[in-house]
PDB file of N, CA and C in Angstrom:
ATOM      1  N   MET A   1     -10.840  85.166  20.560  1.00  0.00           N
ATOM      2  CA  MET A   1     -11.921  84.637  21.278  1.00  0.00           C
ATOM      3  C   MET A   1     -11.911  85.147  22.674  1.00  0.00           C
ATOM      4  N   SER A   2     -12.735  85.461  23.198  1.00  0.00           N
ATOM      5  CA  SER A   2     -13.004  85.462  24.651  1.00  0.00           C
ATOM      6  C   SER A   2     -13.538  84.936  25.564  1.00  0.00           C
ATOM      7  N   GLU A   3     -12.589  84.930  26.491  1.00  0.00           N
ATOM      8  CA  GLU A   3     -13.219  83.813  27.475  1.00  0.00           C
ATOM      9  C   GLU A   3     -14.467  84.184  28.472  1.00  0.00           C
ATOM     10  N   ALA A   4     -15.386  82.786  28.762  1.00  0.00           N
ATOM     11  CA  ALA A   4     -16.907  82.919  29.671  1.00  0.00           C
ATOM     12  C   ALA A   4     -15.788  83.244  30.966  1.00  0.00           C
ATOM     13  N   PRO A   5     -16.877  84.303  31.679  1.00  0.00           N
ATOM     14  CA  PRO A   5     -17.032  85.014  33.005  1.00  0.00           C
ATOM     15  C   PRO A   5     -16.606  83.455  33.846  1.00  0.00           C
ATOM     16  N   MET A   6     -15.849  84.061  34.723  1.00  0.00           N
ATOM     17  CA  MET A   6     -15.314  82.693  35.820  1.00  0.00           C
ATOM     18  C   MET A   6     -15.513  82.706  37.124  1.00  0.00           C
ATOM     19  N   CYS A   7     -16.054  82.043  38.064  1.00  0.00           N
ATOM     20  CA  CYS A   7     -16.336  81.478  39.381  1.00  0.00           C
ATOM     21  C   CYS A   7     -14.924  80.704  39.723  1.00  0.00           C
ATOM     22  N   ARG A   8     -14.559  81.068  41.345  1.00  0.00           N
ATOM     23  CA  ARG A   8     -13.876  80.236  42.036  1.00  0.00           C
ATOM     24  C   ARG A   8     -14.309  79.456  43.224  1.00  0.00           C
ATOM     25  N   ILE A   9     -14.290  78.311  43.245  1.00  0.00           N
ATOM     26  CA  ILE A   9     -14.949  77.686  44.571  1.00  0.00           C
ATOM     27  C   ILE A   9     -14.725  78.234  45.919  1.00  0.00           C
ATOM     28  N   TYR A  10     -15.241  78.622  46.654  1.00  0.00           N
ATOM     29  CA  TYR A  10     -15.455  79.087  47.859  1.00  0.00           C
ATOM     30  C   TYR A  10     -14.967  78.611  48.742  1.00  0.00           C
ATOM     31  N   ASP A  11     -15.781  77.352  49.204  1.00  0.00           N
ATOM     32  CA  ASP A  11     -15.107  76.485  50.073  1.00  0.00           C
ATOM     33  C   ASP A  11     -15.456  74.996  49.881  1.00  0.00           C
ATOM     34  N   ARG A  12     -15.055  74.429  49.819  1.00  0.00           N
ATOM     35  CA  ARG A  12     -15.276  72.899  49.049  1.00  0.00           C
ATOM     36  C   ARG A  12     -15.949  71.806  50.188  1.00  0.00           C
ATOM     37  N   GLU A  13     -15.300  72.423  51.210  1.00  0.00           N
ATOM     38  CA  GLU A  13     -16.168  71.387  52.439  1.00  0.00           C
ATOM     39  C   GLU A  13     -17.853  72.212  52.872  1.00  0.00           C
ATOM     40  N   LEU A  14     -17.859  73.454  52.089  1.00  0.00           N
ATOM     41  CA  LEU A  14     -19.179  73.766  52.447  1.00  0.00           C
ATOM     42  C   LEU A  14     -19.828  73.050  51.540  1.00  0.00           C
ATOM     43  N   LEU A  15     -19.461  73.336  50.188  1.00  0.00           N
ATOM     44  CA  LEU A  15     -20.211  72.464  48.597  1.00  0.00           C
ATOM     45  C   LEU A  15     -20.404  71.132  49.520  1.00  0.00           C
ATOM     46  N   ALA A  16     -19.876  70.361  50.181  1.00  0.00           N
ATOM     47  CA  ALA A  16     -20.047  68.819  50.398  1.00  0.00           C
ATOM     48  C   ALA A  16     -21.148  69.028  51.224  1.00  0.00           C
ATOM     49  N   ARG A  17     -21.083  69.901  52.301  1.00  0.00           N
ATOM     50  CA  ARG A  17     -22.288  70.345  53.712  1.00  0.00           C
ATOM     51  C   ARG A  17     -23.720  70.022  53.108  1.00  0.00           C
ATOM     52  N   LEU A  18     -23.490  71.160  51.763  1.00  0.00           N
ATOM     53  CA  LEU A  18     -24.917  71.545  51.307  1.00  0.00           C
ATOM     54  C   LEU A  18     -25.385  70.410  50.209  1.00  0.00           C
ATOM     55  N   MET A  19     -24.182  69.840  49.578  1.00  0.00           N
ATOM     56  CA  MET A  19     -24.878  68.435  48.764  1.00  0.00           C
ATOM     57  C   MET A  19     -25.506  67.292  49.843  1.00  0.00           C
ATOM     58  N   LYS A  20     -25.389  67.623  51.136  1.00  0.00           N
ATOM     59  CA  LYS A  20     -25.486  66.198  51.765  1.00  0.00           C
ATOM     60  C   LYS A  20     -27.105  67.112  52.332  1.00  0.00           C
ATOM     61  N   ARG A  21     -27.500  67.905  52.304  1.00  0.00           N
ATOM     62  CA  ARG A  21     -28.913  68.329  52.604  1.00  0.00           C
ATOM     63  C   ARG A  21     -28.853  69.669  51.887  1.00  0.00           C
ATOM     64  N   THR A  22     -29.459  69.416  50.391  1.00  0.00           N
ATOM     65  CA  THR A  22     -29.884  70.637  49.435  1.00  0.00           C
ATOM     66  C   THR A  22     -31.112  71.474  50.213  1.00  0.00           C
ATOM     67  N   GLY A  23     -31.426  72.594  49.383  1.00  0.00           N
ATOM     68  CA  GLY A  23     -32.723  73.468  49.369  1.00  0.00           C
ATOM     69  C   GLY A  23     -33.979  72.931  50.073  1.00  0.00           C
ATOM     70  N   THR A  24     -34.198  71.963  49.513  1.00  0.00           N
ATOM     71  CA  THR A  24     -35.316  70.754  49.057  1.00  0.00           C
ATOM     72  C   THR A  24     -35.232  69.697  50.634  1.00  0.00           C
ATOM     73  N   GLY A  25     -33.897  69.827  51.055  1.00  0.00           N
ATOM     74  CA  GLY A  25     -33.603  68.798  51.951  1.00  0.00           C
ATOM     75  C   GLY A  25     -33.033  67.469  51.813  1.00  0.00           C
ATOM     76  N   ALA A  26     -33.193  67.148  50.506  1.00  0.00           N
ATOM     77  CA  ALA A  26     -32.696  66.021  49.455  1.00  0.00           C
ATOM     78  C   ALA A  26     -31.019  66.115  49.669  1.00  0.00           C
ATOM     79  N   ARG A  27     -30.626  64.406  49.867  1.00  0.00           N
ATOM     80  CA  ARG A  27     -29.392  64.515  49.569  1.00  0.00           C
ATOM     81  C   ARG A  27     -28.656  64.193  48.156  1.00  0.00           C
ATOM     82  N   LEU A  28     -27.421  65.155  47.530  1.00  0.00           N
ATOM     83  CA  LEU A  28     -27.012  64.922  46.329  1.00  0.00           C
ATOM     84  C   LEU A  28     -25.972  64.124  46.232  1.00  0.00           C
ATOM     85  N   THR A  29     -25.521  63.072  45.513  1.00  0.00           N
ATOM     86  CA  THR A  29     -24.220  62.565  45.558  1.00  0.00           C
ATOM     87  C   THR A  29     -23.460  63.297  44.109  1.00  0.00           C
ATOM     88  N   THR A  30     -22.186  63.260  44.281  1.00  0.00           N
ATOM     89  CA  THR A  30     -21.569  64.065  43.317  1.00  0.00           C
ATOM     90  C   THR A  30     -22.140  63.660  41.470  1.00  0.00           C
ATOM     91  N   ARG A  31     -22.749  62.131  41.403  1.00  0.00           N
ATOM     92  CA  ARG A  31     -23.357  61.962  39.501  1.00  0.00           C
ATOM     93  C   ARG A  31     -24.769  62.739  40.102  1.00  0.00           C
ATOM     94  N   ASP A  32     -25.193  62.278  41.286  1.00  0.00           N
ATOM     95  CA  ASP A  32     -26.729  62.936  40.783  1.00  0.00           C
ATOM     96  C   ASP A  32     -27.026  64.631  40.705  1.00  0.00           C
ATOM     97  N   LEU A  33     -25.706  65.583  41.239  1.00  0.00           N
ATOM     98  CA  LEU A  33     -25.394  66.769  41.246  1.00  0.00           C
ATOM     99  C   LEU A  33     -25.360  67.077  39.881  1.00  0.00           C
ATOM    100  N   ALA A  34     -24.124  66.391  38.949  1.00  0.00           N
ATOM    101  CA  ALA A  34     -23.878  66.846  37.762  1.00  0.00           C
ATOM    102  C   ALA A  34     -24.806  66.190  37.036  1.00  0.00           C
ATOM    103  N   LYS A  35     -25.762  65.621  37.426  1.00  0.00           N
ATOM    104  CA  LYS A  35     -26.477  65.362  36.178  1.00  0.00           C
ATOM    105  C   LYS A  35     -27.897  66.530  36.405  1.00  0.00           C
ATOM    106  N   VAL A  36     -27.970  67.178  37.208  1.00  0.00           N
ATOM    107  CA  VAL A  36     -29.032  67.827  37.833  1.00  0.00           C
ATOM    108  C   VAL A  36     -28.520  69.278  37.275  1.00  0.00           C
ATOM    109  N   ALA A  37     -27.521  69.435  37.307  1.00  0.00           N
ATOM    110  CA  ALA A  37     -26.822  70.779  37.022  1.00  0.00           C
ATOM    111  C   ALA A  37     -25.911  70.668  35.470  1.00  0.00           C
ATOM    112  N   ALA A  38     -26.371  69.216  34.892  1.00  0.00           N
ATOM    113  CA  ALA A  38     -25.799  69.415  33.598  1.00  0.00           C
ATOM    114  C   ALA A  38     -24.300  69.239  33.491  1.00  0.00           C
ATOM    115  N   VAL A  39     -23.907  69.222  34.885  1.00  0.00           N
ATOM    116  CA  VAL A  39     -21.983  69.013  34.102  1.00  0.00           C
ATOM    117  C   VAL A  39     -21.394  68.230  34.252  1.00  0.00           C
ATOM    118  N   PRO A  40     -20.377  67.982  33.849  1.00  0.00           N
ATOM    119  CA  PRO A  40     -19.838  66.396  33.981  1.00  0.00           C
ATOM    120  C   PRO A  40     -19.467  65.942  35.182  1.00  0.00           C
ATOM    121  N   HIS A  41     -19.572  64.725  35.887  1.00  0.00           N
ATOM    122  CA  HIS A  41     -19.420  64.578  37.179  1.00  0.00           C
ATOM    123  C   HIS A  41     -17.756  64.826  37.540  1.00  0.00           C
ATOM    124  N   GLY A  42     -17.050  64.608  36.186  1.00  0.00           N
ATOM    125  CA  GLY A  42     -15.876  64.843  36.802  1.00  0.00           C
ATOM    126  C   GLY A  42     -15.254  66.272  37.376  1.00  0.00           C
ATOM    127  N   THR A  43     -16.228  67.181  36.646  1.00  0.00           N
ATOM    128  CA  THR A  43     -16.290  68.619  37.509  1.00  0.00           C
ATOM    129  C   THR A  43     -16.539  68.689  38.959  1.00  0.00           C
ATOM    130  N   VAL A  44     -17.720  67.757  39.144  1.00  0.00           N
ATOM    131  CA  VAL A  44     -18.053  68.138  40.253  1.00  0.00           C
ATOM    132  C   VAL A  44     -16.947  67.451  41.459  1.00  0.00           C
ATOM    133  N   GLY A  45     -16.583  66.553  41.246  1.00  0.00           N
ATOM    134  CA  GLY A  45     -15.245  65.662  41.551  1.00  0.00           C
ATOM    135  C   GLY A  45     -14.119  66.649  41.862  1.00  0.00           C
ATOM    136  N   GLY A  46     -13.540  67.090  40.845  1.00  0.00           N
ATOM    137  CA  GLY A  46     -12.994  67.658  41.097  1.00  0.00           C
ATOM    138  C   GLY A  46     -13.317  69.409  41.981  1.00  0.00           C
ATOM    139  N   LEU A  47     -13.962  69.902  41.875  1.00  0.00           N
ATOM    140  CA  LEU A  47     -14.225  70.971  42.546  1.00  0.00           C
ATOM    141  C   LEU A  47     -14.397  70.705  44.473  1.00  0.00           C
ATOM    142  N   LEU A  48     -15.105  69.114  44.559  1.00  0.00           N
ATOM    143  CA  LEU A  48     -14.848  68.623  45.679  1.00  0.00           C
ATOM    144  C   LEU A  48     -13.643  68.282  46.216  1.00  0.00           C
ATOM    145  N   SER A  49     -12.895  67.919  45.759  1.00  0.00           N
ATOM    146  CA  SER A  49     -11.446  67.508  45.789  1.00  0.00           C
ATOM    147  C   SER A  49     -10.118  68.469  46.185  1.00  0.00           C
ATOM    148  N   GLY A  50     -10.274  69.397  44.928  1.00  0.00           N
ATOM    149  CA  GLY A  50      -9.609  70.426  45.060  1.00  0.00           C
ATOM    150  C   GLY A  50      -8.696  70.567  44.024  1.00  0.00           C
ATOM    151  N   THR A  51      -8.980  69.712  42.833  1.00  0.00           N
ATOM    152  CA  THR A  51      -8.510  69.639  41.696  1.00  0.00           C
ATOM    153  C   THR A  51      -8.363  70.807  40.578  1.00  0.00           C
ATOM    154  N   GLN A  52      -9.588  71.717  41.132  1.00  0.00           N
ATOM    155  CA  GLN A  52     -10.462  72.440  39.629  1.00  0.00           C
ATOM    156  C   GLN A  52     -10.601  72.850  41.329  1.00  0.00           C
ATOM    157  N   ARG A  53     -10.471  74.294  40.657  1.00  0.00           N
ATOM    158  CA  ARG A  53     -10.784  75.954  41.434  1.00  0.00           C
ATOM    159  C   ARG A  53     -11.435  76.473  41.019  1.00  0.00           C
ATOM    160  N   PHE A  54     -11.731  76.687  39.186  1.00  0.00           N
ATOM    161  CA  PHE A  54     -12.655  76.996  38.726  1.00  0.00           C
ATOM    162  C   PHE A  54     -13.269  76.918  37.600  1.00  0.00           C
ATOM    163  N   ILE A  55     -14.672  77.710  37.517  1.00  0.00           N
ATOM    164  CA  ILE A  55     -15.532  76.715  36.812  1.00  0.00           C
ATOM    165  C   ILE A  55     -16.307  78.331  36.408  1.00  0.00           C
ATOM    166  N   ALA A  56     -16.617  77.608  34.932  1.00  0.00           N
ATOM    167  CA  ALA A  56     -16.934  79.146  34.080  1.00  0.00           C
ATOM    168  C   ALA A  56     -18.358  79.124  34.684  1.00  0.00           C
ATOM    169  N   ARG A  57     -18.983  80.355  35.245  1.00  0.00           N
ATOM    170  CA  ARG A  57     -20.281  81.483  35.863  1.00  0.00           C
ATOM    171  C   ARG A  57     -21.593  80.385  35.560  1.00  0.00           C
ATOM    172  N   GLU A  58     -21.661  80.098  34.348  1.00  0.00           N
ATOM    173  CA  GLU A  58     -22.691  79.908  33.718  1.00  0.00           C
ATOM    174  C   GLU A  58     -23.232  78.303  34.671  1.00  0.00           C
ATOM    175  N   LYS A  59     -22.186  77.622  34.899  1.00  0.00           N
ATOM    176  CA  LYS A  59     -22.383  76.389  35.443  1.00  0.00           C
ATOM    177  C   LYS A  59     -22.172  76.231  37.007  1.00  0.00           C
ATOM    178  N   ALA A  60     -21.135  77.475  37.420  1.00  0.00           N
ATOM    179  CA  ALA A  60     -21.436  77.693  39.124  1.00  0.00           C
ATOM    180  C   ALA A  60     -22.923  77.951  39.051  1.00  0.00           C
ATOM    181  N   GLN A  61     -23.670  78.699  37.975  1.00  0.00           N
ATOM    182  CA  GLN A  61     -25.074  78.734  38.645  1.00  0.00           C
ATOM    183  C   GLN A  61     -25.760  77.728  38.941  1.00  0.00           C
ATOM    184  N   ARG A  62     -25.544  76.597  37.839  1.00  0.00           N
ATOM    185  CA  ARG A  62     -26.498  75.748  37.799  1.00  0.00           C
ATOM    186  C   ARG A  62     -26.429  74.826  38.827  1.00  0.00           C
ATOM    187  N   ILE A  63     -24.779  74.891  39.040  1.00  0.00           N
ATOM    188  CA  ILE A  63     -24.587  73.690  40.630  1.00  0.00           C
ATOM    189  C   ILE A  63     -25.573  74.593  41.645  1.00  0.00           C
ATOM    190  N   ALA A  64     -25.043  75.951  41.982  1.00  0.00           N
ATOM    191  CA  ALA A  64     -26.127  76.697  42.956  1.00  0.00           C
ATOM    192  C   ALA A  64     -27.294  76.424  43.222  1.00  0.00           C
ATOM    193  N   ALA A  65     -27.837  76.744  42.370  1.00  0.00           N
ATOM    194  CA  ALA A  65     -29.213  76.448  42.076  1.00  0.00           C
ATOM    195  C   ALA A  65     -29.660  74.945  42.260  1.00  0.00           C
ATOM    196  N   ALA A  66     -28.915  73.910  41.560  1.00  0.00           N
ATOM    197  CA  ALA A  66     -29.608  72.592  42.284  1.00  0.00           C
ATOM    198  C   ALA A  66     -29.115  72.493  43.063  1.00  0.00           C
ATOM    199  N   ILE A  67     -28.563  72.869  44.202  1.00  0.00           N
ATOM    200  CA  ILE A  67     -28.694  72.258  45.582  1.00  0.00           C
ATOM    201  C   ILE A  67     -29.169  74.068  46.672  1.00  0.00           C
ATOM    202  N   GLY A  68     -29.500  74.818  45.766  1.00  0.00           N
ATOM    203  CA  GLY A  68     -30.996  75.534  46.568  1.00  0.00           C
ATOM    204  C   GLY A  68     -30.185  76.562  47.358  1.00  0.00           C
ATOM    205  N   VAL A  69     -29.059  77.195  46.805  1.00  0.00           N
ATOM    206  CA  VAL A  69     -28.407  78.171  46.962  1.00  0.00           C
ATOM    207  C   VAL A  69     -28.051  79.570  46.127  1.00  0.00           C
ATOM    208  N   ASP A  70     -27.584  80.330  47.177  1.00  0.00           N
ATOM    209  CA  ASP A  70     -27.397  81.659  45.912  1.00  0.00           C
ATOM    210  C   ASP A  70     -26.068  81.520  45.259  1.00  0.00           C
ATOM    211  N   LEU A  71     -25.785  81.472  44.185  1.00  0.00           N
ATOM    212  CA  LEU A  71     -24.111  81.781  44.046  1.00  0.00           C
ATOM    213  C   LEU A  71     -23.462  82.376  44.799  1.00  0.00           C
ATOM    214  N   LEU A  72     -23.172  83.408  45.426  1.00  0.00           N
ATOM    215  CA  LEU A  72     -22.569  83.525  46.182  1.00  0.00           C
ATOM    216  C   LEU A  72     -22.191  82.887  47.733  1.00  0.00           C
ATOM    217  N   VAL A  73     -22.754  82.202  47.535  1.00  0.00           N
ATOM    218  CA  VAL A  73     -22.506  80.980  48.876  1.00  0.00           C
ATOM    219  C   VAL A  73     -21.589  80.309  48.601  1.00  0.00           C
ATOM    220  N   VAL A  74     -21.500  79.489  47.677  1.00  0.00           N
ATOM    221  CA  VAL A  74     -21.177  78.501  46.928  1.00  0.00           C
ATOM    222  C   VAL A  74     -19.152  78.994  46.317  1.00  0.00           C
ATOM    223  N   PHE A  75     -19.509  80.434  45.679  1.00  0.00           N
ATOM    224  CA  PHE A  75     -18.436  79.916  44.637  1.00  0.00           C
ATOM    225  C   PHE A  75     -18.334  82.010  44.624  1.00  0.00           C
ATOM    226  N   VAL A  76     -17.120  82.194  43.622  1.00  0.00           N
ATOM    227  CA  VAL A  76     -16.650  83.636  43.965  1.00  0.00           C
ATOM    228  C   VAL A  76     -16.500  84.395  42.560  1.00  0.00           C
ATOM    229  N   PRO A  77     -17.331  85.011  41.923  1.00  0.00           N
ATOM    230  CA  PRO A  77     -16.824  85.843  40.930  1.00  0.00           C
ATOM    231  C   PRO A  77     -15.527  85.927  40.740  1.00  0.00           C
ATOM    232  N   CYS A  78     -14.992  85.943  39.702  1.00  0.00           N
ATOM    233  CA  CYS A  78     -13.661  85.999  39.283  1.00  0.00           C
ATOM    234  C   CYS A  78     -13.163  87.460  37.767  1.00  0.00           C
ATOM    235  N   GLU A  79     -12.523  87.805  37.346  1.00  0.00           N
ATOM    236  CA  GLU A  79     -12.640  88.915  36.847  1.00  0.00           C
ATOM    237  C   GLU A  79     -11.896  87.491  35.406  1.00  0.00           C
ATOM    238  N   ARG A  80     -12.503  88.344  34.172  1.00  0.00           N
ATOM    239  CA  ARG A  80     -12.028  87.067  33.275  1.00  0.00           C
ATOM    240  C   ARG A  80     -10.434  86.899  32.773  1.00  0.00           C
ATOM    241  N   ALA A  81      -9.808  88.463  32.597  1.00  0.00           N
ATOM    242  CA  ALA A  81      -8.505  88.496  32.435  1.00  0.00           C
ATOM    243  C   ALA A  81      -7.717  87.524  33.106  1.00  0.00           C
ATOM    244  N   GLY A  82      -7.295  87.146  33.575  1.00  0.00           N
ATOM    245  CA  GLY A  82      -6.669  86.499  34.927  1.00  0.00           C
ATOM    246  C   GLY A  82      -6.650  86.164  35.920  1.00  0.00           C
ATOM    247  N   ARG A  83      -8.208  85.868  36.498  1.00  0.00           N
ATOM    248  CA  ARG A  83      -8.539  85.311  37.183  1.00  0.00           C
ATOM    249  C   ARG A  83      -8.392  85.718  38.010  1.00  0.00           C
ATOM    250  N   VAL A  84      -8.445  87.223  38.838  1.00  0.00           N
ATOM    251  CA  VAL A  84      -7.763  87.708  39.689  1.00  0.00           C
ATOM    252  C   VAL A  84      -9.161  87.994  40.506  1.00  0.00           C
ATOM    253  N   PHE A  85      -8.992  87.395  42.220  1.00  0.00           N
ATOM    254  CA  PHE A  85     -10.545  87.309  42.610  1.00  0.00           C
ATOM    255  C   PHE A  85     -10.858  88.901  42.902  1.00  0.00           C
ATOM    256  N   ILE A  86     -11.997  88.759  43.429  1.00  0.00           N
ATOM    257  CA  ILE A  86     -12.346  90.203  43.515  1.00  0.00           C
ATOM    258  C   ILE A  86     -12.767  90.167  45.221  1.00  0.00           C
ATOM    259  N   ASP A  87     -12.262  91.772  45.437  1.00  0.00           N
ATOM    260  CA  ASP A  87     -12.247  91.861  46.863  1.00  0.00           C
ATOM    261  C   ASP A  87     -13.587  91.994  47.086  1.00  0.00           C
ATOM    262  N   ALA A  88     -14.279  91.452  47.784  1.00  0.00           N
ATOM    263  CA  ALA A  88     -15.502  91.576  48.030  1.00  0.00           C
ATOM    264  C   ALA A  88     -15.941  93.321  49.129  1.00  0.00           C
ATOM    265  N   ALA A  89     -14.613  93.327  49.990  1.00  0.00           N
ATOM    266  CA  ALA A  89     -14.379  94.254  51.038  1.00  0.00           C
ATOM    267  C   ALA A  89     -15.131  95.640  50.015  1.00  0.00           C
ATOM    268  N   LYS A  90     -13.963  95.537  49.372  1.00  0.00           N
ATOM    269  CA  LYS A  90     -13.564  96.915  48.370  1.00  0.00           C
ATOM    270  C   LYS A  90     -14.742  97.546  47.531  1.00  0.00           C
ATOM    271  N   ALA A  91     -15.594  96.008  46.948  1.00  0.00           N
ATOM    272  CA  ALA A  91     -16.911  96.146  46.257  1.00  0.00           C
ATOM    273  C   ALA A  91     -17.529  96.990  46.952  1.00  0.00           C
ATOM    274  N   ARG A  92     -17.552  96.750  48.079  1.00  0.00           N
ATOM    275  CA  ARG A  92     -19.099  97.021  48.994  1.00  0.00           C
ATOM    276  C   ARG A  92     -19.037  97.997  49.184  1.00  0.00           C
ATOM    277  N   GLN A  93     -16.962  99.083  49.247  1.00  0.00           N
ATOM    278  CA  GLN A  93     -17.046 100.164  49.305  1.00  0.00           C
ATOM    279  C   GLN A  93     -17.330 101.175  48.428  1.00  0.00           C
ATOM    280  N   ALA A  94     -16.911 100.536  47.089  1.00  0.00           N
ATOM    281  CA  ALA A  94     -17.085 101.321  46.147  1.00  0.00           C
ATOM    282  C   ALA A  94     -18.808 101.538  45.990  1.00  0.00           C
ATOM    283  N   VAL A  95     -19.224 100.723  46.095  1.00  0.00           N
ATOM    284  CA  VAL A  95     -20.823 100.591  46.160  1.00  0.00           C
ATOM    285  C   VAL A  95     -21.597 102.037  46.893  1.00  0.00           C
ATOM    286  N   THR A  96     -21.010 101.997  48.277  1.00  0.00           N
ATOM    287  CA  THR A  96     -21.562 102.655  49.196  1.00  0.00           C
ATOM    288  C   THR A  96     -21.062 104.200  49.056  1.00  0.00           C
ATOM    289  N   ALA A  97     -19.837 104.504  48.417  1.00  0.00           N
ATOM    290  CA  ALA A  97     -19.504 105.622  48.529  1.00  0.00           C
ATOM    291  C   ALA A  97     -19.881 106.641  47.199  1.00  0.00           C
TER     292      ALA A  97
END
């Protein structure tokens, strides 16, 4: 059984700030964001507190969409097998080369 693609929270304080003023100008609580993004409120709480660092990419995309930002503003995509962080600088060099 294959594991779903994962993302790592980039900056939990940034997520908290973005929840205070979303893309629409609205403020979202932990429960509001969980409801809009269709994820358990414990997941959002865990991301904010630091007890949860990884989340399935599909859920991360829904959270980012709910607060009105692109996925890469709040999350860092990870490789599936060992959840190794992708080095953005090396990825940019590979694309431009």
